[in-house]
Amino acid sequence: MAYLDWSQCPAVESIPGKVSGAWVFKDTRMPVSTVFENFESGATIEDIMEWFDLTREQIINVLEFAARSLDPPPHQASENIGPDLANANSV
């Protein structure tokens, strides 16, 4: 499982003493984990918007951040293809 550095996501915040310091949607008390837990249970974006008073933009921002966080850093891409392919252009 990839580690997500939520401090890099502008759509969320963690404030000590606010929901025990959990990562929440900015200017709310709604934990980000709630979105993922409800998706795992079969909820749709529309369900989550209705149930938790979040906007589509808030939800999409968090989902896009999570998806981008799963991409390997650019320097790792060439390491994964092996030395023969990584040096193919230098021949």
PDB file of N, CA and C in Angstrom:
ATOM      1  N   MET A   1       0.839  -1.181   0.000  1.00  0.00           N
ATOM      2  CA  MET A   1       0.000   0.000   0.000  1.00  0.00           C
ATOM      3  C   MET A   1       0.882   1.242   0.000  1.00  0.00           C
ATOM      4  N   ALA A   2       0.592   2.169  -0.862  1.00  0.00           N
ATOM      5  CA  ALA A   2       1.368   3.399  -0.956  1.00  0.00           C
ATOM      6  C   ALA A   2       1.035   4.322   0.207  1.00  0.00           C
ATOM      7  N   TYR A   3       2.057   5.047   0.637  1.00  0.00           N
ATOM      8  CA  TYR A   3       1.869   6.037   1.692  1.00  0.00           C
ATOM      9  C   TYR A   3       1.444   7.343   1.043  1.00  0.00           C
ATOM     10  N   LEU A   4       0.374   7.944   1.520  1.00  0.00           N
ATOM     11  CA  LEU A   4      -0.089   9.224   1.000  1.00  0.00           C
ATOM     12  C   LEU A   4       0.319  10.332   1.942  1.00  0.00           C
ATOM     13  N   ASP A   5       1.045  11.309   1.426  1.00  0.00           N
ATOM     14  CA  ASP A   5       1.453  12.459   2.221  1.00  0.00           C
ATOM     15  C   ASP A   5       0.381  13.528   2.073  1.00  0.00           C
ATOM     16  N   TRP A   6      -0.645  13.432   2.913  1.00  0.00           N
ATOM     17  CA  TRP A   6      -1.794  14.324   2.806  1.00  0.00           C
ATOM     18  C   TRP A   6      -1.410  15.789   3.004  1.00  0.00           C
ATOM     19  N   SER A   7      -0.262  16.058   3.599  1.00  0.00           N
ATOM     20  CA  SER A   7       0.152  17.448   3.789  1.00  0.00           C
ATOM     21  C   SER A   7       0.400  18.137   2.445  1.00  0.00           C
ATOM     22  N   GLN A   8       0.536  17.361   1.378  1.00  0.00           N
ATOM     23  CA  GLN A   8       0.759  17.908   0.042  1.00  0.00           C
ATOM     24  C   GLN A   8      -0.542  18.137  -0.726  1.00  0.00           C
ATOM     25  N   CYS A   9      -1.657  17.795  -0.135  1.00  0.00           N
ATOM     26  CA  CYS A   9      -2.966  17.945  -0.790  1.00  0.00           C
ATOM     27  C   CYS A   9      -3.625  19.235  -0.303  1.00  0.00           C
ATOM     28  N   PRO A  10      -3.816  20.203  -1.188  1.00  0.00           N
ATOM     29  CA  PRO A  10      -4.389  21.480  -0.760  1.00  0.00           C
ATOM     30  C   PRO A  10      -5.868  21.410  -0.359  1.00  0.00           C
ATOM     31  N   ALA A  11      -6.536  20.313  -0.640  1.00  0.00           N
ATOM     32  CA  ALA A  11      -7.963  20.194  -0.336  1.00  0.00           C
ATOM     33  C   ALA A  11      -8.240  19.742   1.095  1.00  0.00           C
ATOM     34  N   VAL A  12      -7.186  19.367   1.842  1.00  0.00           N
ATOM     35  CA  VAL A  12      -7.384  18.835   3.183  1.00  0.00           C
ATOM     36  C   VAL A  12      -6.503  19.557   4.192  1.00  0.00           C
ATOM     37  N   GLU A  13      -6.820  19.338   5.462  1.00  0.00           N
ATOM     38  CA  GLU A  13      -6.019  19.926   6.533  1.00  0.00           C
ATOM     39  C   GLU A  13      -6.063  19.015   7.751  1.00  0.00           C
ATOM     40  N   SER A  14      -5.056  19.150   8.589  1.00  0.00           N
ATOM     41  CA  SER A  14      -5.010  18.446   9.860  1.00  0.00           C
ATOM     42  C   SER A  14      -4.642  19.480  10.918  1.00  0.00           C
ATOM     43  N   ILE A  15      -5.549  19.665  11.862  1.00  0.00           N
ATOM     44  CA  ILE A  15      -5.352  20.657  12.915  1.00  0.00           C
ATOM     45  C   ILE A  15      -5.432  19.935  14.257  1.00  0.00           C
ATOM     46  N   PRO A  16      -4.359  20.014  15.059  1.00  0.00           N
ATOM     47  CA  PRO A  16      -4.415  19.362  16.372  1.00  0.00           C
ATOM     48  C   PRO A  16      -5.646  19.831  17.148  1.00  0.00           C
ATOM     49  N   GLY A  17      -6.347  18.886  17.729  1.00  0.00           N
ATOM     50  CA  GLY A  17      -7.540  19.214  18.499  1.00  0.00           C
ATOM     51  C   GLY A  17      -8.817  19.262  17.674  1.00  0.00           C
ATOM     52  N   LYS A  18      -8.699  19.228  16.365  1.00  0.00           N
ATOM     53  CA  LYS A  18      -9.875  19.199  15.482  1.00  0.00           C
ATOM     54  C   LYS A  18      -9.991  17.784  14.938  1.00  0.00           C
ATOM     55  N   VAL A  19     -11.013  17.072  15.346  1.00  0.00           N
ATOM     56  CA  VAL A  19     -11.229  15.663  14.989  1.00  0.00           C
ATOM     57  C   VAL A  19      -9.953  14.854  15.284  1.00  0.00           C
ATOM     58  N   SER A  20      -9.381  15.100  16.456  1.00  0.00           N
ATOM     59  CA  SER A  20      -8.178  14.402  16.928  1.00  0.00           C
ATOM     60  C   SER A  20      -6.998  14.515  15.965  1.00  0.00           C
ATOM     61  N   GLY A  21      -6.949  15.583  15.192  1.00  0.00           N
ATOM     62  CA  GLY A  21      -5.833  15.785  14.264  1.00  0.00           C
ATOM     63  C   GLY A  21      -5.930  14.981  12.979  1.00  0.00           C
ATOM     64  N   ALA A  22      -7.065  14.333  12.747  1.00  0.00           N
ATOM     65  CA  ALA A  22      -7.248  13.545  11.517  1.00  0.00           C
ATOM     66  C   ALA A  22      -7.235  14.467  10.303  1.00  0.00           C
ATOM     67  N   TRP A  23      -6.898  13.915   9.154  1.00  0.00           N
ATOM     68  CA  TRP A  23      -6.980  14.676   7.903  1.00  0.00           C
ATOM     69  C   TRP A  23      -8.443  14.829   7.534  1.00  0.00           C
ATOM     70  N   VAL A  24      -8.872  16.076   7.438  1.00  0.00           N
ATOM     71  CA  VAL A  24     -10.263  16.388   7.120  1.00  0.00           C
ATOM     72  C   VAL A  24     -10.302  17.291   5.895  1.00  0.00           C
ATOM     73  N   PHE A  25     -11.466  17.333   5.254  1.00  0.00           N
ATOM     74  CA  PHE A  25     -11.651  18.275   4.156  1.00  0.00           C
ATOM     75  C   PHE A  25     -11.512  19.686   4.723  1.00  0.00           C
ATOM     76  N   LYS A  26     -10.790  20.528   4.009  1.00  0.00           N
ATOM     77  CA  LYS A  26     -10.527  21.887   4.473  1.00  0.00           C
ATOM     78  C   LYS A  26     -11.823  22.591   4.867  1.00  0.00           C
ATOM     79  N   ASP A  27     -11.771  23.278   5.997  1.00  0.00           N
ATOM     80  CA  ASP A  27     -12.900  24.043   6.552  1.00  0.00           C
ATOM     81  C   ASP A  27     -14.102  23.179   6.930  1.00  0.00           C
ATOM     82  N   THR A  28     -13.859  21.885   7.178  1.00  0.00           N
ATOM     83  CA  THR A  28     -14.924  20.984   7.633  1.00  0.00           C
ATOM     84  C   THR A  28     -14.396  20.163   8.804  1.00  0.00           C
ATOM     85  N   ARG A  29     -15.250  19.320   9.323  1.00  0.00           N
ATOM     86  CA  ARG A  29     -14.840  18.326  10.318  1.00  0.00           C
ATOM     87  C   ARG A  29     -14.981  16.923   9.727  1.00  0.00           C
ATOM     88  N   MET A  30     -15.082  16.822   8.405  1.00  0.00           N
ATOM     89  CA  MET A  30     -15.305  15.542   7.736  1.00  0.00           C
ATOM     90  C   MET A  30     -13.972  14.861   7.404  1.00  0.00           C
ATOM     91  N   PRO A  31     -13.668  13.729   8.056  1.00  0.00           N
ATOM     92  CA  PRO A  31     -12.422  13.022   7.762  1.00  0.00           C
ATOM     93  C   PRO A  31     -12.373  12.521   6.314  1.00  0.00           C
ATOM     94  N   VAL A  32     -11.220  12.661   5.709  1.00  0.00           N
ATOM     95  CA  VAL A  32     -11.012  12.177   4.344  1.00  0.00           C
ATOM     96  C   VAL A  32     -11.263  10.670   4.277  1.00  0.00           C
ATOM     97  N   SER A  33     -10.899   9.969   5.325  1.00  0.00           N
ATOM     98  CA  SER A  33     -11.072   8.510   5.333  1.00  0.00           C
ATOM     99  C   SER A  33     -12.523   8.100   5.130  1.00  0.00           C
ATOM    100  N   THR A  34     -13.466   8.954   5.517  1.00  0.00           N
ATOM    101  CA  THR A  34     -14.888   8.651   5.353  1.00  0.00           C
ATOM    102  C   THR A  34     -15.238   8.421   3.889  1.00  0.00           C
ATOM    103  N   VAL A  35     -14.655   9.200   2.998  1.00  0.00           N
ATOM    104  CA  VAL A  35     -14.934   9.046   1.565  1.00  0.00           C
ATOM    105  C   VAL A  35     -14.491   7.662   1.100  1.00  0.00           C
ATOM    106  N   PHE A  36     -13.264   7.277   1.452  1.00  0.00           N
ATOM    107  CA  PHE A  36     -12.743   5.994   0.992  1.00  0.00           C
ATOM    108  C   PHE A  36     -13.490   4.823   1.613  1.00  0.00           C
ATOM    109  N   GLU A  37     -13.842   4.941   2.875  1.00  0.00           N
ATOM    110  CA  GLU A  37     -14.611   3.882   3.534  1.00  0.00           C
ATOM    111  C   GLU A  37     -15.967   3.690   2.863  1.00  0.00           C
ATOM    112  N   ASN A  38     -16.607   4.794   2.484  1.00  0.00           N
ATOM    113  CA  ASN A  38     -17.919   4.685   1.841  1.00  0.00           C
ATOM    114  C   ASN A  38     -17.816   4.176   0.410  1.00  0.00           C
ATOM    115  N   PHE A  39     -16.757   4.532  -0.301  1.00  0.00           N
ATOM    116  CA  PHE A  39     -16.546   3.953  -1.633  1.00  0.00           C
ATOM    117  C   PHE A  39     -16.367   2.442  -1.531  1.00  0.00           C
ATOM    118  N   GLU A  40     -15.607   2.005  -0.531  1.00  0.00           N
ATOM    119  CA  GLU A  40     -15.398   0.569  -0.332  1.00  0.00           C
ATOM    120  C   GLU A  40     -16.712  -0.152  -0.069  1.00  0.00           C
ATOM    121  N   SER A  41     -17.670   0.556   0.508  1.00  0.00           N
ATOM    122  CA  SER A  41     -18.978  -0.036   0.807  1.00  0.00           C
ATOM    123  C   SER A  41     -19.969   0.100  -0.345  1.00  0.00           C
ATOM    124  N   GLY A  42     -19.520   0.675  -1.459  1.00  0.00           N
ATOM    125  CA  GLY A  42     -20.379   0.756  -2.636  1.00  0.00           C
ATOM    126  C   GLY A  42     -21.053   2.094  -2.875  1.00  0.00           C
ATOM    127  N   ALA A  43     -20.744   3.105  -2.087  1.00  0.00           N
ATOM    128  CA  ALA A  43     -21.363   4.422  -2.266  1.00  0.00           C
ATOM    129  C   ALA A  43     -20.842   5.091  -3.540  1.00  0.00           C
ATOM    130  N   THR A  44     -21.628   5.987  -4.083  1.00  0.00           N
ATOM    131  CA  THR A  44     -21.233   6.774  -5.248  1.00  0.00           C
ATOM    132  C   THR A  44     -20.823   8.177  -4.785  1.00  0.00           C
ATOM    133  N   ILE A  45     -20.234   8.935  -5.684  1.00  0.00           N
ATOM    134  CA  ILE A  45     -19.894  10.326  -5.362  1.00  0.00           C
ATOM    135  C   ILE A  45     -21.162  11.078  -4.967  1.00  0.00           C
ATOM    136  N   GLU A  46     -22.243  10.848  -5.691  1.00  0.00           N
ATOM    137  CA  GLU A  46     -23.510  11.530  -5.383  1.00  0.00           C
ATOM    138  C   GLU A  46     -24.007  11.182  -3.985  1.00  0.00           C
ATOM    139  N   ASP A  47     -23.882   9.890  -3.602  1.00  0.00           N
ATOM    140  CA  ASP A  47     -24.277   9.475  -2.247  1.00  0.00           C
ATOM    141  C   ASP A  47     -23.470  10.248  -1.207  1.00  0.00           C
ATOM    142  N   ILE A  48     -22.175  10.275  -1.384  1.00  0.00           N
ATOM    143  CA  ILE A  48     -21.294  10.925  -0.414  1.00  0.00           C
ATOM    144  C   ILE A  48     -21.580  12.423  -0.336  1.00  0.00           C
ATOM    145  N   MET A  49     -21.836  13.035  -1.489  1.00  0.00           N
ATOM    146  CA  MET A  49     -22.182  14.459  -1.494  1.00  0.00           C
ATOM    147  C   MET A  49     -23.428  14.707  -0.654  1.00  0.00           C
ATOM    148  N   GLU A  50     -24.411  13.856  -0.831  1.00  0.00           N
ATOM    149  CA  GLU A  50     -25.686  14.024  -0.116  1.00  0.00           C
ATOM    150  C   GLU A  50     -25.548  13.712   1.372  1.00  0.00           C
ATOM    151  N   TRP A  51     -24.895  12.619   1.688  1.00  0.00           N
ATOM    152  CA  TRP A  51     -24.808  12.164   3.068  1.00  0.00           C
ATOM    153  C   TRP A  51     -23.931  13.053   3.943  1.00  0.00           C
ATOM    154  N   PHE A  52     -22.866  13.617   3.349  1.00  0.00           N
ATOM    155  CA  PHE A  52     -21.867  14.306   4.163  1.00  0.00           C
ATOM    156  C   PHE A  52     -21.702  15.783   3.812  1.00  0.00           C
ATOM    157  N   ASP A  53     -22.584  16.310   2.991  1.00  0.00           N
ATOM    158  CA  ASP A  53     -22.556  17.728   2.640  1.00  0.00           C
ATOM    159  C   ASP A  53     -21.185  18.163   2.106  1.00  0.00           C
ATOM    160  N   LEU A  54     -20.646  17.354   1.192  1.00  0.00           N
ATOM    161  CA  LEU A  54     -19.402  17.689   0.504  1.00  0.00           C
ATOM    162  C   LEU A  54     -19.736  18.021  -0.943  1.00  0.00           C
ATOM    163  N   THR A  55     -18.881  18.802  -1.574  1.00  0.00           N
ATOM    164  CA  THR A  55     -19.087  19.111  -2.991  1.00  0.00           C
ATOM    165  C   THR A  55     -18.379  18.080  -3.853  1.00  0.00           C
ATOM    166  N   ARG A  56     -18.824  18.006  -5.093  1.00  0.00           N
ATOM    167  CA  ARG A  56     -18.160  17.110  -6.052  1.00  0.00           C
ATOM    168  C   ARG A  56     -16.688  17.499  -6.171  1.00  0.00           C
ATOM    169  N   GLU A  57     -16.410  18.800  -6.208  1.00  0.00           N
ATOM    170  CA  GLU A  57     -15.033  19.275  -6.346  1.00  0.00           C
ATOM    171  C   GLU A  57     -14.153  18.803  -5.181  1.00  0.00           C
ATOM    172  N   GLN A  58     -14.664  18.875  -3.963  1.00  0.00           N
ATOM    173  CA  GLN A  58     -13.900  18.412  -2.801  1.00  0.00           C
ATOM    174  C   GLN A  58     -13.538  16.932  -2.943  1.00  0.00           C
ATOM    175  N   ILE A  59     -14.513  16.140  -3.315  1.00  0.00           N
ATOM    176  CA  ILE A  59     -14.295  14.696  -3.431  1.00  0.00           C
ATOM    177  C   ILE A  59     -13.329  14.389  -4.566  1.00  0.00           C
ATOM    178  N   ILE A  60     -13.533  15.004  -5.720  1.00  0.00           N
ATOM    179  CA  ILE A  60     -12.668  14.765  -6.876  1.00  0.00           C
ATOM    180  C   ILE A  60     -11.235  15.192  -6.568  1.00  0.00           C
ATOM    181  N   ASN A  61     -11.049  16.327  -5.899  1.00  0.00           N
ATOM    182  CA  ASN A  61      -9.693  16.781  -5.550  1.00  0.00           C
ATOM    183  C   ASN A  61      -8.946  15.734  -4.731  1.00  0.00           C
ATOM    184  N   VAL A  62      -9.628  15.145  -3.762  1.00  0.00           N
ATOM    185  CA  VAL A  62      -8.999  14.130  -2.917  1.00  0.00           C
ATOM    186  C   VAL A  62      -8.728  12.854  -3.712  1.00  0.00           C
ATOM    187  N   LEU A  63      -9.663  12.454  -4.552  1.00  0.00           N
ATOM    188  CA  LEU A  63      -9.459  11.249  -5.362  1.00  0.00           C
ATOM    189  C   LEU A  63      -8.311  11.432  -6.343  1.00  0.00           C
ATOM    190  N   GLU A  64      -8.236  12.592  -6.975  1.00  0.00           N
ATOM    191  CA  GLU A  64      -7.148  12.855  -7.920  1.00  0.00           C
ATOM    192  C   GLU A  64      -5.802  12.893  -7.209  1.00  0.00           C
ATOM    193  N   PHE A  65      -5.760  13.483  -6.023  1.00  0.00           N
ATOM    194  CA  PHE A  65      -4.519  13.501  -5.254  1.00  0.00           C
ATOM    195  C   PHE A  65      -4.084  12.072  -4.930  1.00  0.00           C
ATOM    196  N   ALA A  66      -5.011  11.266  -4.468  1.00  0.00           N
ATOM    197  CA  ALA A  66      -4.692   9.880  -4.125  1.00  0.00           C
ATOM    198  C   ALA A  66      -4.201   9.124  -5.356  1.00  0.00           C
ATOM    199  N   ALA A  67      -4.833   9.330  -6.495  1.00  0.00           N
ATOM    200  CA  ALA A  67      -4.419   8.647  -7.728  1.00  0.00           C
ATOM    201  C   ALA A  67      -3.013   9.081  -8.148  1.00  0.00           C
ATOM    202  N   ARG A  68      -2.746  10.388  -8.105  1.00  0.00           N
ATOM    203  CA  ARG A  68      -1.400  10.887  -8.472  1.00  0.00           C
ATOM    204  C   ARG A  68      -0.338  10.364  -7.517  1.00  0.00           C
ATOM    205  N   SER A  69      -0.697  10.170  -6.272  1.00  0.00           N
ATOM    206  CA  SER A  69       0.257   9.692  -5.277  1.00  0.00           C
ATOM    207  C   SER A  69       0.691   8.257  -5.545  1.00  0.00           C
ATOM    208  N   LEU A  70      -0.077   7.532  -6.316  1.00  0.00           N
ATOM    209  CA  LEU A  70       0.269   6.153  -6.647  1.00  0.00           C
ATOM    210  C   LEU A  70       1.246   6.061  -7.811  1.00  0.00           C
ATOM    211  N   ASP A  71       1.424   7.152  -8.566  1.00  0.00           N
ATOM    212  CA  ASP A  71       2.366   7.173  -9.683  1.00  0.00           C
ATOM    213  C   ASP A  71       3.794   7.151  -9.145  1.00  0.00           C
ATOM    214  N   PRO A  72       4.685   6.388  -9.791  1.00  0.00           N
ATOM    215  CA  PRO A  72       6.078   6.407  -9.336  1.00  0.00           C
ATOM    216  C   PRO A  72       6.717   7.755  -9.667  1.00  0.00           C
ATOM    217  N   PRO A  73       7.653   8.200  -8.840  1.00  0.00           N
ATOM    218  CA  PRO A  73       8.370   9.439  -9.168  1.00  0.00           C
ATOM    219  C   PRO A  73       9.079   9.273 -10.510  1.00  0.00           C
ATOM    220  N   PRO A  74       9.289  10.347 -11.259  1.00  0.00           N
ATOM    221  CA  PRO A  74       9.894  10.258 -12.585  1.00  0.00           C
ATOM    222  C   PRO A  74      11.230   9.524 -12.610  1.00  0.00           C
ATOM    223  N   HIS A  75      12.079   9.702 -11.608  1.00  0.00           N
ATOM    224  CA  HIS A  75      13.385   9.042 -11.613  1.00  0.00           C
ATOM    225  C   HIS A  75      13.279   7.537 -11.469  1.00  0.00           C
ATOM    226  N   GLN A  76      12.195   7.025 -10.889  1.00  0.00           N
ATOM    227  CA  GLN A  76      12.028   5.586 -10.739  1.00  0.00           C
ATOM    228  C   GLN A  76      11.567   4.923 -12.027  1.00  0.00           C
ATOM    229  N   ALA A  77      10.948   5.658 -12.912  1.00  0.00           N
ATOM    230  CA  ALA A  77      10.433   5.056 -14.138  1.00  0.00           C
ATOM    231  C   ALA A  77      11.564   4.428 -14.944  1.00  0.00           C
ATOM    232  N   SER A  78      12.679   5.115 -15.127  1.00  0.00           N
ATOM    233  CA  SER A  78      13.771   4.552 -15.915  1.00  0.00           C
ATOM    234  C   SER A  78      14.478   3.425 -15.171  1.00  0.00           C
ATOM    235  N   GLU A  79      14.464   3.455 -13.834  1.00  0.00           N
ATOM    236  CA  GLU A  79      15.078   2.384 -13.065  1.00  0.00           C
ATOM    237  C   GLU A  79      14.313   1.080 -13.233  1.00  0.00           C
ATOM    238  N   ASN A  80      13.010   1.151 -13.453  1.00  0.00           N
ATOM    239  CA  ASN A  80      12.173  -0.041 -13.547  1.00  0.00           C
ATOM    240  C   ASN A  80      12.254  -0.723 -14.901  1.00  0.00           C
ATOM    241  N   ILE A  81      12.777  -0.062 -15.935  1.00  0.00           N
ATOM    242  CA  ILE A  81      12.787  -0.682 -17.259  1.00  0.00           C
ATOM    243  C   ILE A  81      14.088  -1.411 -17.540  1.00  0.00           C
ATOM    244  N   GLY A  82      15.074  -1.277 -16.687  1.00  0.00           N
ATOM    245  CA  GLY A  82      16.323  -1.990 -16.838  1.00  0.00           C
ATOM    246  C   GLY A  82      17.367  -1.174 -17.577  1.00  0.00           C
ATOM    247  N   PRO A  83      18.637  -1.542 -17.390  1.00  0.00           N
ATOM    248  CA  PRO A  83      19.720  -0.741 -17.952  1.00  0.00           C
ATOM    249  C   PRO A  83      19.762  -0.753 -19.480  1.00  0.00           C
ATOM    250  N   ASP A  84      19.401  -1.846 -20.127  1.00  0.00           N
ATOM    251  CA  ASP A  84      19.458  -1.907 -21.588  1.00  0.00           C
ATOM    252  C   ASP A  84      18.509  -0.915 -22.227  1.00  0.00           C
ATOM    253  N   LEU A  85      17.265  -0.848 -21.748  1.00  0.00           N
ATOM    254  CA  LEU A  85      16.288   0.084 -22.321  1.00  0.00           C
ATOM    255  C   LEU A  85      16.545   1.511 -21.863  1.00  0.00           C
ATOM    256  N   ALA A  86      17.009   1.693 -20.636  1.00  0.00           N
ATOM    257  CA  ALA A  86      17.248   3.034 -20.123  1.00  0.00           C
ATOM    258  C   ALA A  86      18.361   3.729 -20.906  1.00  0.00           C
ATOM    259  N   ASN A  87      19.324   2.961 -21.426  1.00  0.00           N
ATOM    260  CA  ASN A  87      20.450   3.529 -22.170  1.00  0.00           C
ATOM    261  C   ASN A  87      20.296   3.400 -23.675  1.00  0.00           C
ATOM    262  N   ALA A  88      19.151   2.992 -24.162  1.00  0.00           N
ATOM    263  CA  ALA A  88      18.939   2.754 -25.586  1.00  0.00           C
ATOM    264  C   ALA A  88      19.212   3.985 -26.433  1.00  0.00           C
ATOM    265  N   ASN A  89      18.901   5.169 -25.925  1.00  0.00           N
ATOM    266  CA  ASN A  89      19.105   6.387 -26.706  1.00  0.00           C
ATOM    267  C   ASN A  89      20.564   6.800 -26.771  1.00  0.00           C
ATOM    268  N   SER A  90      21.433   6.246 -25.939  1.00  0.00           N
ATOM    269  CA  SER A  90      22.838   6.657 -25.946  1.00  0.00           C
ATOM    270  C   SER A  90      23.663   5.857 -26.930  1.00  0.00           C
ATOM    271  N   VAL A  91      23.074   4.901 -27.622  1.00  0.00           N
ATOM    272  CA  VAL A  91      23.809   4.048 -28.566  1.00  0.00           C
ATOM    273  C   VAL A  91      23.930   4.718 -29.906  1.00  0.00           C
TER     274      VAL A  91
END
